[in-house]
Amino acid sequence: MKIAAIQMCSGLDPQANLAALEPMLAEASAAGVRYAQTPEVALLFPENRDQLRSVAANFEGHPQLQRVGELAKQHSMYVHIGSLPIPLEDGRFANRSVLFGPDGQQVKIYDKIHLFDADIAGLNAYRESATYKAGEEAVVAQVDAFTLGFAICYDMRFPKLFNTLANAGAQLMAVPAAFTVPTGQAHWHVLLRARAIETGSYVIAAAQGGHHPNGRATYGHSLIIDPWGKVIAELDHDRPGVLIADIDLAAVGEARQRVPALANARSFAAPALHEG
């Protein structure tokens, strides 16, 4: 199967983001891509809750998602919107990933489980939990012969999620992201390669890249990694682009047979915490 990671530099105007995405989906389709993934916050990249409230649309009848469904059907392709903010009843938002099938219908949604609350030297503090509500359920979906496991950005730092997805049958891990530049330079490649190696799975990570209207700078470097941990395709820059690679289900079986880590995993008791 041929897959594509679409790298973007999204801003605050959903229609402008969609307009930037459309020709890249057409490019992927012309190359024979069956599954195309966009980055996290692909259709709207806000900086704060006020910006979110002013432009985020409800999930039901969402105008840009409706158009994405039309594009998936037009290109007869799975289109995976890495994420977009969806308002919830409690005043917070879900950071929601949406997969469309070649018939234009929604296949599955996933709400980001692990929220990025961190202080990074030289940058403002990130408090994703102040705006977003964490998801509570791991998700897989069928994409032709592959089972796709869903994750979003900060999720990549939590191996248990990927182990859970692999044990649920996932052979292709989706990790759309909007990684900061400092953490990207330090951890992007090594974490994604580790998740591929640990689970014997392909990893596709479409990234935001560049300087955004909200003042953020993101790392780019979208990646496709094979089940042995080899980077088989990379956009080695921070500009929009389309990254395409062929993947083979047999490579998943071969990697898992050579190092059967999933089969060899065991439960164990945790050590008692010292008191005093």
C-alpha atoms as a PDB file:
ATOM      1  CA  MET A   1       0.000   0.000   0.000  1.00  0.00           C
ATOM      2  CA  LYS A   2       1.201   3.490  -0.788  1.00  0.00           C
ATOM      3  CA  ILE A   3       0.824   6.022   2.019  1.00  0.00           C
ATOM      4  CA  ALA A   4       1.474   9.753   2.386  1.00  0.00           C
ATOM      5  CA  ALA A   5       2.319  12.127   5.221  1.00  0.00           C
ATOM      6  CA  ILE A   6       1.247  15.670   4.366  1.00  0.00           C
ATOM      7  CA  GLN A   7       3.327  18.349   6.074  1.00  0.00           C
ATOM      8  CA  MET A   8       1.587  21.682   6.661  1.00  0.00           C
ATOM      9  CA  CYS A   9       2.106  25.112   8.215  1.00  0.00           C
ATOM     10  CA  SER A  10      -1.431  25.687   9.464  1.00  0.00           C
ATOM     11  CA  GLY A  11      -2.831  28.960  10.743  1.00  0.00           C
ATOM     12  CA  LEU A  12      -5.962  30.413  12.300  1.00  0.00           C
ATOM     13  CA  ASP A  13      -8.191  30.417   9.204  1.00  0.00           C
ATOM     14  CA  PRO A  14      -9.807  26.988   8.669  1.00  0.00           C
ATOM     15  CA  GLN A  15     -10.727  27.748   5.070  1.00  0.00           C
ATOM     16  CA  ALA A  16      -7.179  28.814   4.223  1.00  0.00           C
ATOM     17  CA  ASN A  17      -5.812  25.648   5.819  1.00  0.00           C
ATOM     18  CA  LEU A  18      -8.257  23.548   3.815  1.00  0.00           C
ATOM     19  CA  ALA A  19      -7.304  25.386   0.632  1.00  0.00           C
ATOM     20  CA  ALA A  20      -3.643  24.574   1.304  1.00  0.00           C
ATOM     21  CA  LEU A  21      -4.481  20.914   1.933  1.00  0.00           C
ATOM     22  CA  GLU A  22      -6.567  20.278  -1.191  1.00  0.00           C
ATOM     23  CA  PRO A  23      -3.755  20.378  -3.802  1.00  0.00           C
ATOM     24  CA  MET A  24      -1.533  18.210  -1.597  1.00  0.00           C
ATOM     25  CA  LEU A  25      -4.264  15.577  -1.385  1.00  0.00           C
ATOM     26  CA  ALA A  26      -4.571  15.760  -5.161  1.00  0.00           C
ATOM     27  CA  GLU A  27      -0.804  15.267  -5.475  1.00  0.00           C
ATOM     28  CA  ALA A  28      -0.937  12.227  -3.213  1.00  0.00           C
ATOM     29  CA  SER A  29      -3.877  10.791  -5.140  1.00  0.00           C
ATOM     30  CA  ALA A  30      -2.091  11.257  -8.470  1.00  0.00           C
ATOM     31  CA  ALA A  31       0.832   9.263  -7.068  1.00  0.00           C
ATOM     32  CA  GLY A  32      -1.452   6.343  -6.211  1.00  0.00           C
ATOM     33  CA  VAL A  33      -1.650   6.932  -2.457  1.00  0.00           C
ATOM     34  CA  ARG A  34      -4.319   4.946  -0.643  1.00  0.00           C
ATOM     35  CA  TYR A  35      -3.936   6.507   2.834  1.00  0.00           C
ATOM     36  CA  ALA A  36      -2.991  10.158   3.422  1.00  0.00           C
ATOM     37  CA  GLN A  37      -2.392  11.680   6.854  1.00  0.00           C
ATOM     38  CA  THR A  38      -2.301  15.359   7.827  1.00  0.00           C
ATOM     39  CA  PRO A  39      -0.620  16.792  10.932  1.00  0.00           C
ATOM     40  CA  GLU A  40      -2.106  17.580  14.309  1.00  0.00           C
ATOM     41  CA  VAL A  41      -4.230  20.789  14.313  1.00  0.00           C
ATOM     42  CA  ALA A  42      -4.270  20.638  10.529  1.00  0.00           C
ATOM     43  CA  LEU A  43      -7.445  22.640   9.947  1.00  0.00           C
ATOM     44  CA  LEU A  44      -7.018  25.108  12.808  1.00  0.00           C
ATOM     45  CA  PHE A  45      -3.858  25.898  14.805  1.00  0.00           C
ATOM     46  CA  PRO A  46      -4.837  28.238  17.665  1.00  0.00           C
ATOM     47  CA  GLU A  47      -2.698  29.636  20.451  1.00  0.00           C
ATOM     48  CA  ASN A  48      -5.237  29.956  23.231  1.00  0.00           C
ATOM     49  CA  ARG A  49      -8.808  29.274  24.311  1.00  0.00           C
ATOM     50  CA  ASP A  50     -10.089  32.648  23.081  1.00  0.00           C
ATOM     51  CA  GLN A  51      -8.864  31.923  19.568  1.00  0.00           C
ATOM     52  CA  LEU A  52     -10.415  28.469  19.759  1.00  0.00           C
ATOM     53  CA  ARG A  53     -13.783  29.766  20.861  1.00  0.00           C
ATOM     54  CA  SER A  54     -13.872  32.317  18.073  1.00  0.00           C
ATOM     55  CA  VAL A  55     -13.386  29.876  15.206  1.00  0.00           C
ATOM     56  CA  ALA A  56     -13.728  26.198  16.296  1.00  0.00           C
ATOM     57  CA  ALA A  57     -16.825  24.589  14.786  1.00  0.00           C
ATOM     58  CA  ASN A  58     -19.055  21.887  16.252  1.00  0.00           C
ATOM     59  CA  PHE A  59     -18.313  18.332  15.198  1.00  0.00           C
ATOM     60  CA  GLU A  60     -21.763  17.667  13.766  1.00  0.00           C
ATOM     61  CA  GLY A  61     -22.006  19.418  10.431  1.00  0.00           C
ATOM     62  CA  HIS A  62     -18.423  20.707  10.631  1.00  0.00           C
ATOM     63  CA  PRO A  63     -17.954  22.571   7.313  1.00  0.00           C
ATOM     64  CA  GLN A  64     -14.282  21.744   6.715  1.00  0.00           C
ATOM     65  CA  LEU A  65     -14.729  18.091   7.707  1.00  0.00           C
ATOM     66  CA  GLN A  66     -17.639  17.798   5.308  1.00  0.00           C
ATOM     67  CA  ARG A  67     -15.342  19.009   2.536  1.00  0.00           C
ATOM     68  CA  VAL A  68     -12.615  16.565   3.566  1.00  0.00           C
ATOM     69  CA  GLY A  69     -15.145  13.744   3.249  1.00  0.00           C
ATOM     70  CA  GLU A  70     -15.932  14.927  -0.269  1.00  0.00           C
ATOM     71  CA  LEU A  71     -12.220  14.969  -1.124  1.00  0.00           C
ATOM     72  CA  ALA A  72     -11.710  11.444   0.241  1.00  0.00           C
ATOM     73  CA  LYS A  73     -14.524  10.230  -1.987  1.00  0.00           C
ATOM     74  CA  GLN A  74     -13.290  12.233  -4.981  1.00  0.00           C
ATOM     75  CA  HIS A  75      -9.824  10.688  -4.695  1.00  0.00           C
ATOM     76  CA  SER A  76     -11.078   7.262  -3.538  1.00  0.00           C
ATOM     77  CA  MET A  77      -8.585   7.453  -0.697  1.00  0.00           C
ATOM     78  CA  TYR A  78      -8.451   7.190   3.075  1.00  0.00           C
ATOM     79  CA  VAL A  79      -7.896  10.716   4.408  1.00  0.00           C
ATOM     80  CA  HIS A  80      -6.815  11.048   8.023  1.00  0.00           C
ATOM     81  CA  ILE A  81      -7.138  14.510   9.533  1.00  0.00           C
ATOM     82  CA  GLY A  82      -4.431  14.312  12.184  1.00  0.00           C
ATOM     83  CA  SER A  83      -6.449  16.449  14.554  1.00  0.00           C
ATOM     84  CA  LEU A  84      -8.622  19.498  14.983  1.00  0.00           C
ATOM     85  CA  PRO A  85     -10.147  21.168  18.061  1.00  0.00           C
ATOM     86  CA  ILE A  86     -13.763  20.249  18.761  1.00  0.00           C
ATOM     87  CA  PRO A  87     -15.791  22.165  21.395  1.00  0.00           C
ATOM     88  CA  LEU A  88     -17.267  20.098  24.232  1.00  0.00           C
ATOM     89  CA  GLU A  89     -20.203  20.775  26.519  1.00  0.00           C
ATOM     90  CA  ASP A  90     -18.008  21.506  29.554  1.00  0.00           C
ATOM     91  CA  GLY A  91     -16.306  24.441  27.824  1.00  0.00           C
ATOM     92  CA  ARG A  92     -13.147  22.538  26.963  1.00  0.00           C
ATOM     93  CA  PHE A  93     -12.169  21.026  23.615  1.00  0.00           C
ATOM     94  CA  ALA A  94     -11.266  17.604  22.289  1.00  0.00           C
ATOM     95  CA  ASN A  95      -8.094  17.321  20.224  1.00  0.00           C
ATOM     96  CA  ARG A  96      -9.745  14.959  17.761  1.00  0.00           C
ATOM     97  CA  SER A  97      -8.366  12.839  14.950  1.00  0.00           C
ATOM     98  CA  VAL A  98     -10.795  11.880  12.164  1.00  0.00           C
ATOM     99  CA  LEU A  99     -10.358   9.137   9.546  1.00  0.00           C
ATOM    100  CA  PHE A 100     -12.443   9.220   6.360  1.00  0.00           C
ATOM    101  CA  GLY A 101     -12.829   6.223   4.064  1.00  0.00           C
ATOM    102  CA  PRO A 102     -12.682   6.173   0.253  1.00  0.00           C
ATOM    103  CA  ASP A 103     -16.474   6.444   0.233  1.00  0.00           C
ATOM    104  CA  GLY A 104     -16.247   9.800   1.990  1.00  0.00           C
ATOM    105  CA  GLN A 105     -17.744   8.538   5.245  1.00  0.00           C
ATOM    106  CA  GLN A 106     -16.140   8.873   8.661  1.00  0.00           C
ATOM    107  CA  VAL A 107     -14.524   5.586   9.699  1.00  0.00           C
ATOM    108  CA  LYS A 108     -13.222   6.344  13.213  1.00  0.00           C
ATOM    109  CA  ILE A 109     -12.413   9.221  15.536  1.00  0.00           C
ATOM    110  CA  TYR A 110      -9.798   9.396  18.288  1.00  0.00           C
ATOM    111  CA  ASP A 111      -9.427  12.000  21.036  1.00  0.00           C
ATOM    112  CA  LYS A 112      -5.843  12.621  22.161  1.00  0.00           C
ATOM    113  CA  ILE A 113      -5.216  10.829  25.456  1.00  0.00           C
ATOM    114  CA  HIS A 114      -1.961  12.374  26.696  1.00  0.00           C
ATOM    115  CA  LEU A 115      -2.037  16.167  27.056  1.00  0.00           C
ATOM    116  CA  PHE A 116       1.146  18.213  26.811  1.00  0.00           C
ATOM    117  CA  ASP A 117       1.728  20.091  30.081  1.00  0.00           C
ATOM    118  CA  ALA A 118       5.385  21.109  30.167  1.00  0.00           C
ATOM    119  CA  ASP A 119       7.847  23.929  30.724  1.00  0.00           C
ATOM    120  CA  ILE A 120      10.481  24.070  27.997  1.00  0.00           C
ATOM    121  CA  ALA A 121      13.545  26.244  28.532  1.00  0.00           C
ATOM    122  CA  GLY A 122      13.387  29.365  26.402  1.00  0.00           C
ATOM    123  CA  LEU A 123       9.709  28.940  25.524  1.00  0.00           C
ATOM    124  CA  ASN A 124       6.376  29.677  27.126  1.00  0.00           C
ATOM    125  CA  ALA A 125       4.862  27.006  29.340  1.00  0.00           C
ATOM    126  CA  TYR A 126       2.465  24.638  27.575  1.00  0.00           C
ATOM    127  CA  ARG A 127      -0.709  23.691  29.433  1.00  0.00           C
ATOM    128  CA  GLU A 128      -2.790  21.687  27.007  1.00  0.00           C
ATOM    129  CA  SER A 129      -4.969  20.410  29.856  1.00  0.00           C
ATOM    130  CA  ALA A 130      -6.152  23.970  30.571  1.00  0.00           C
ATOM    131  CA  THR A 131      -7.960  23.966  27.229  1.00  0.00           C
ATOM    132  CA  TYR A 132      -8.438  20.347  26.209  1.00  0.00           C
ATOM    133  CA  LYS A 133     -10.091  17.311  27.753  1.00  0.00           C
ATOM    134  CA  ALA A 134      -8.096  14.094  27.512  1.00  0.00           C
ATOM    135  CA  GLY A 135      -9.483  11.151  25.594  1.00  0.00           C
ATOM    136  CA  GLU A 136     -10.010   7.873  27.402  1.00  0.00           C
ATOM    137  CA  GLU A 137     -10.002   5.185  24.718  1.00  0.00           C
ATOM    138  CA  ALA A 138      -7.384   3.685  22.418  1.00  0.00           C
ATOM    139  CA  VAL A 139      -8.626   3.316  18.834  1.00  0.00           C
ATOM    140  CA  VAL A 140      -7.811   1.139  15.820  1.00  0.00           C
ATOM    141  CA  ALA A 141      -9.381   1.071  12.353  1.00  0.00           C
ATOM    142  CA  GLN A 142      -9.073  -1.030   9.240  1.00  0.00           C
ATOM    143  CA  VAL A 143      -7.337   0.590   6.249  1.00  0.00           C
ATOM    144  CA  ASP A 144      -7.457  -2.023   3.501  1.00  0.00           C
ATOM    145  CA  ALA A 145      -5.242  -4.916   4.693  1.00  0.00           C
ATOM    146  CA  PHE A 146      -3.635  -2.841   7.472  1.00  0.00           C
ATOM    147  CA  THR A 147      -4.975  -2.133  10.940  1.00  0.00           C
ATOM    148  CA  LEU A 148      -4.241   1.473  11.846  1.00  0.00           C
ATOM    149  CA  GLY A 149      -3.481   2.525  15.422  1.00  0.00           C
ATOM    150  CA  PHE A 150      -4.284   6.111  16.410  1.00  0.00           C
ATOM    151  CA  ALA A 151      -2.046   8.472  18.387  1.00  0.00           C
ATOM    152  CA  ILE A 152      -1.426  12.219  18.367  1.00  0.00           C
ATOM    153  CA  CYS A 153       1.871  14.026  19.014  1.00  0.00           C
ATOM    154  CA  TYR A 154       2.630  13.858  22.785  1.00  0.00           C
ATOM    155  CA  ASP A 155       1.137  10.348  22.842  1.00  0.00           C
ATOM    156  CA  MET A 156       4.400   9.160  21.274  1.00  0.00           C
ATOM    157  CA  ARG A 157       6.143   9.464  24.656  1.00  0.00           C
ATOM    158  CA  PHE A 158       3.956   6.752  26.197  1.00  0.00           C
ATOM    159  CA  PRO A 159       4.953   3.248  25.006  1.00  0.00           C
ATOM    160  CA  LYS A 160       2.034   1.594  26.789  1.00  0.00           C
ATOM    161  CA  LEU A 161      -0.398   3.134  24.310  1.00  0.00           C
ATOM    162  CA  PHE A 162       1.493   1.737  21.323  1.00  0.00           C
ATOM    163  CA  ASN A 163       1.854  -1.668  22.961  1.00  0.00           C
ATOM    164  CA  THR A 164      -1.898  -1.663  23.533  1.00  0.00           C
ATOM    165  CA  LEU A 165      -2.562  -0.737  19.906  1.00  0.00           C
ATOM    166  CA  ALA A 166      -0.199  -3.424  18.602  1.00  0.00           C
ATOM    167  CA  ASN A 167      -1.823  -6.064  20.784  1.00  0.00           C
ATOM    168  CA  ALA A 168      -5.177  -4.921  19.387  1.00  0.00           C
ATOM    169  CA  GLY A 169      -3.867  -5.745  15.907  1.00  0.00           C
ATOM    170  CA  ALA A 170      -2.355  -2.466  14.693  1.00  0.00           C
ATOM    171  CA  GLN A 171       0.467  -2.808  12.164  1.00  0.00           C
ATOM    172  CA  LEU A 172       0.584   0.870  11.134  1.00  0.00           C
ATOM    173  CA  MET A 173       0.824   3.561  13.822  1.00  0.00           C
ATOM    174  CA  ALA A 174      -0.425   7.066  13.036  1.00  0.00           C
ATOM    175  CA  VAL A 175       1.323   9.867  14.926  1.00  0.00           C
ATOM    176  CA  PRO A 176       0.255  13.238  13.452  1.00  0.00           C
ATOM    177  CA  ALA A 177       2.066  15.990  15.330  1.00  0.00           C
ATOM    178  CA  ALA A 178       2.887  19.652  15.906  1.00  0.00           C
ATOM    179  CA  PHE A 179       6.234  19.195  17.664  1.00  0.00           C
ATOM    180  CA  THR A 180       8.136  22.189  18.996  1.00  0.00           C
ATOM    181  CA  VAL A 181      11.568  22.876  17.520  1.00  0.00           C
ATOM    182  CA  PRO A 182      13.631  22.176  20.688  1.00  0.00           C
ATOM    183  CA  THR A 183      11.883  18.888  21.484  1.00  0.00           C
ATOM    184  CA  GLY A 184      11.857  17.959  17.809  1.00  0.00           C
ATOM    185  CA  GLN A 185      15.602  18.370  17.499  1.00  0.00           C
ATOM    186  CA  ALA A 186      16.150  16.303  20.640  1.00  0.00           C
ATOM    187  CA  HIS A 187      13.511  13.578  20.538  1.00  0.00           C
ATOM    188  CA  TRP A 188      11.436  13.382  17.323  1.00  0.00           C
ATOM    189  CA  HIS A 189      13.388  10.754  15.419  1.00  0.00           C
ATOM    190  CA  VAL A 190      14.444   8.619  18.368  1.00  0.00           C
ATOM    191  CA  LEU A 191      10.967   8.379  19.912  1.00  0.00           C
ATOM    192  CA  LEU A 192       9.216   7.508  16.662  1.00  0.00           C
ATOM    193  CA  ARG A 193      11.845   4.933  15.741  1.00  0.00           C
ATOM    194  CA  ALA A 194      11.553   3.425  19.214  1.00  0.00           C
ATOM    195  CA  ARG A 195       7.771   3.071  18.885  1.00  0.00           C
ATOM    196  CA  ALA A 196       8.262   1.279  15.547  1.00  0.00           C
ATOM    197  CA  ILE A 197      10.943  -1.044  16.945  1.00  0.00           C
ATOM    198  CA  GLU A 198       9.080  -1.893  20.158  1.00  0.00           C
ATOM    199  CA  THR A 199       5.909  -2.905  18.327  1.00  0.00           C
ATOM    200  CA  GLY A 200       7.313  -4.148  15.013  1.00  0.00           C
ATOM    201  CA  SER A 201       5.035  -1.678  13.243  1.00  0.00           C
ATOM    202  CA  TYR A 202       5.194   0.960  10.548  1.00  0.00           C
ATOM    203  CA  VAL A 203       4.961   4.502  11.900  1.00  0.00           C
ATOM    204  CA  ILE A 204       3.709   7.448   9.860  1.00  0.00           C
ATOM    205  CA  ALA A 205       4.056  10.891  11.415  1.00  0.00           C
ATOM    206  CA  ALA A 206       2.787  13.891   9.453  1.00  0.00           C
ATOM    207  CA  ALA A 207       4.128  17.064  11.045  1.00  0.00           C
ATOM    208  CA  GLN A 208       3.450  20.758  11.231  1.00  0.00           C
ATOM    209  CA  GLY A 209       6.512  22.660  10.053  1.00  0.00           C
ATOM    210  CA  GLY A 210       7.489  26.336  10.041  1.00  0.00           C
ATOM    211  CA  HIS A 211       6.527  29.617  11.692  1.00  0.00           C
ATOM    212  CA  HIS A 212       2.793  29.873  12.292  1.00  0.00           C
ATOM    213  CA  PRO A 213       0.482  32.898  12.505  1.00  0.00           C
ATOM    214  CA  ASN A 214      -0.138  32.101  16.193  1.00  0.00           C
ATOM    215  CA  GLY A 215       3.554  32.720  16.942  1.00  0.00           C
ATOM    216  CA  ARG A 216       4.564  29.066  17.300  1.00  0.00           C
ATOM    217  CA  ALA A 217       7.432  27.425  15.437  1.00  0.00           C
ATOM    218  CA  THR A 218       7.198  23.710  14.664  1.00  0.00           C
ATOM    219  CA  TYR A 219       9.852  21.210  13.700  1.00  0.00           C
ATOM    220  CA  GLY A 220       8.562  19.575  10.515  1.00  0.00           C
ATOM    221  CA  HIS A 221      10.545  16.503   9.431  1.00  0.00           C
ATOM    222  CA  SER A 222       7.552  14.281   8.658  1.00  0.00           C
ATOM    223  CA  LEU A 223       8.601  10.627   8.810  1.00  0.00           C
ATOM    224  CA  ILE A 224       7.631   7.163   7.618  1.00  0.00           C
ATOM    225  CA  ILE A 225       9.444   4.390   9.492  1.00  0.00           C
ATOM    226  CA  ASP A 226       9.460   0.657   8.837  1.00  0.00           C
ATOM    227  CA  PRO A 227       8.898  -2.092  11.459  1.00  0.00           C
ATOM    228  CA  TRP A 228      12.653  -2.574  11.905  1.00  0.00           C
ATOM    229  CA  GLY A 229      13.025   1.092  12.891  1.00  0.00           C
ATOM    230  CA  LYS A 230      14.495   2.303   9.598  1.00  0.00           C
ATOM    231  CA  VAL A 231      13.430   5.720   8.333  1.00  0.00           C
ATOM    232  CA  ILE A 232      12.235   4.943   4.806  1.00  0.00           C
ATOM    233  CA  ALA A 233      11.045   8.460   3.959  1.00  0.00           C
ATOM    234  CA  GLU A 234      11.565  11.915   5.484  1.00  0.00           C
ATOM    235  CA  LEU A 235      10.901  15.535   4.657  1.00  0.00           C
ATOM    236  CA  ASP A 236      14.148  16.926   6.057  1.00  0.00           C
ATOM    237  CA  HIS A 237      12.864  20.497   6.355  1.00  0.00           C
ATOM    238  CA  ASP A 238      10.146  22.602   7.997  1.00  0.00           C
ATOM    239  CA  ARG A 239       8.094  23.568   4.917  1.00  0.00           C
ATOM    240  CA  PRO A 240       4.849  22.116   3.527  1.00  0.00           C
ATOM    241  CA  GLY A 241       5.210  19.046   1.359  1.00  0.00           C
ATOM    242  CA  VAL A 242       3.972  15.552   0.561  1.00  0.00           C
ATOM    243  CA  LEU A 243       5.958  12.518   1.728  1.00  0.00           C
ATOM    244  CA  ILE A 244       5.141   9.203   0.046  1.00  0.00           C
ATOM    245  CA  ALA A 245       6.307   5.637   0.670  1.00  0.00           C
ATOM    246  CA  ASP A 246       5.237   2.066  -0.087  1.00  0.00           C
ATOM    247  CA  ILE A 247       4.582  -0.225   2.864  1.00  0.00           C
ATOM    248  CA  ASP A 248       4.298  -4.015   2.909  1.00  0.00           C
ATOM    249  CA  LEU A 249       2.304  -6.014   5.452  1.00  0.00           C
ATOM    250  CA  ALA A 250       4.812  -8.870   5.190  1.00  0.00           C
ATOM    251  CA  ALA A 251       7.499  -6.618   6.727  1.00  0.00           C
ATOM    252  CA  VAL A 252       5.449  -6.386   9.920  1.00  0.00           C
ATOM    253  CA  GLY A 253       5.258 -10.163  10.253  1.00  0.00           C
ATOM    254  CA  GLU A 254       8.966 -10.517   9.530  1.00  0.00           C
ATOM    255  CA  ALA A 255       9.990  -7.935  12.153  1.00  0.00           C
ATOM    256  CA  ARG A 256       7.727  -9.437  14.799  1.00  0.00           C
ATOM    257  CA  GLN A 257       9.065 -12.904  14.070  1.00  0.00           C
ATOM    258  CA  ARG A 258      12.724 -11.824  14.234  1.00  0.00           C
ATOM    259  CA  VAL A 259      12.239 -10.070  17.586  1.00  0.00           C
ATOM    260  CA  PRO A 260       8.965 -11.310  19.130  1.00  0.00           C
ATOM    261  CA  ALA A 261       8.811  -8.626  21.817  1.00  0.00           C
ATOM    262  CA  LEU A 262       5.015  -8.482  21.821  1.00  0.00           C
ATOM    263  CA  ALA A 263       4.778 -12.236  22.339  1.00  0.00           C
ATOM    264  CA  ASN A 264       7.562 -12.262  24.945  1.00  0.00           C
ATOM    265  CA  ALA A 265       6.101  -9.484  27.107  1.00  0.00           C
ATOM    266  CA  ARG A 266       5.155 -10.536  30.638  1.00  0.00           C
ATOM    267  CA  SER A 267       3.220  -9.029  33.520  1.00  0.00           C
ATOM    268  CA  PHE A 268       5.176  -8.356  36.685  1.00  0.00           C
ATOM    269  CA  ALA A 269       4.741  -6.876  40.129  1.00  0.00           C
ATOM    270  CA  ALA A 270       5.949  -3.339  40.771  1.00  0.00           C
ATOM    271  CA  PRO A 271       8.422  -2.769  43.600  1.00  0.00           C
ATOM    272  CA  ALA A 272       7.049  -1.354  46.825  1.00  0.00           C
ATOM    273  CA  LEU A 273       7.716   2.337  47.384  1.00  0.00           C
ATOM    274  CA  HIS A 274      10.110   3.128  50.213  1.00  0.00           C
ATOM    275  CA  GLU A 275       8.518   4.864  53.154  1.00  0.00           C
ATOM    276  CA  GLY A 276      10.091   7.602  55.255  1.00  0.00           C
END
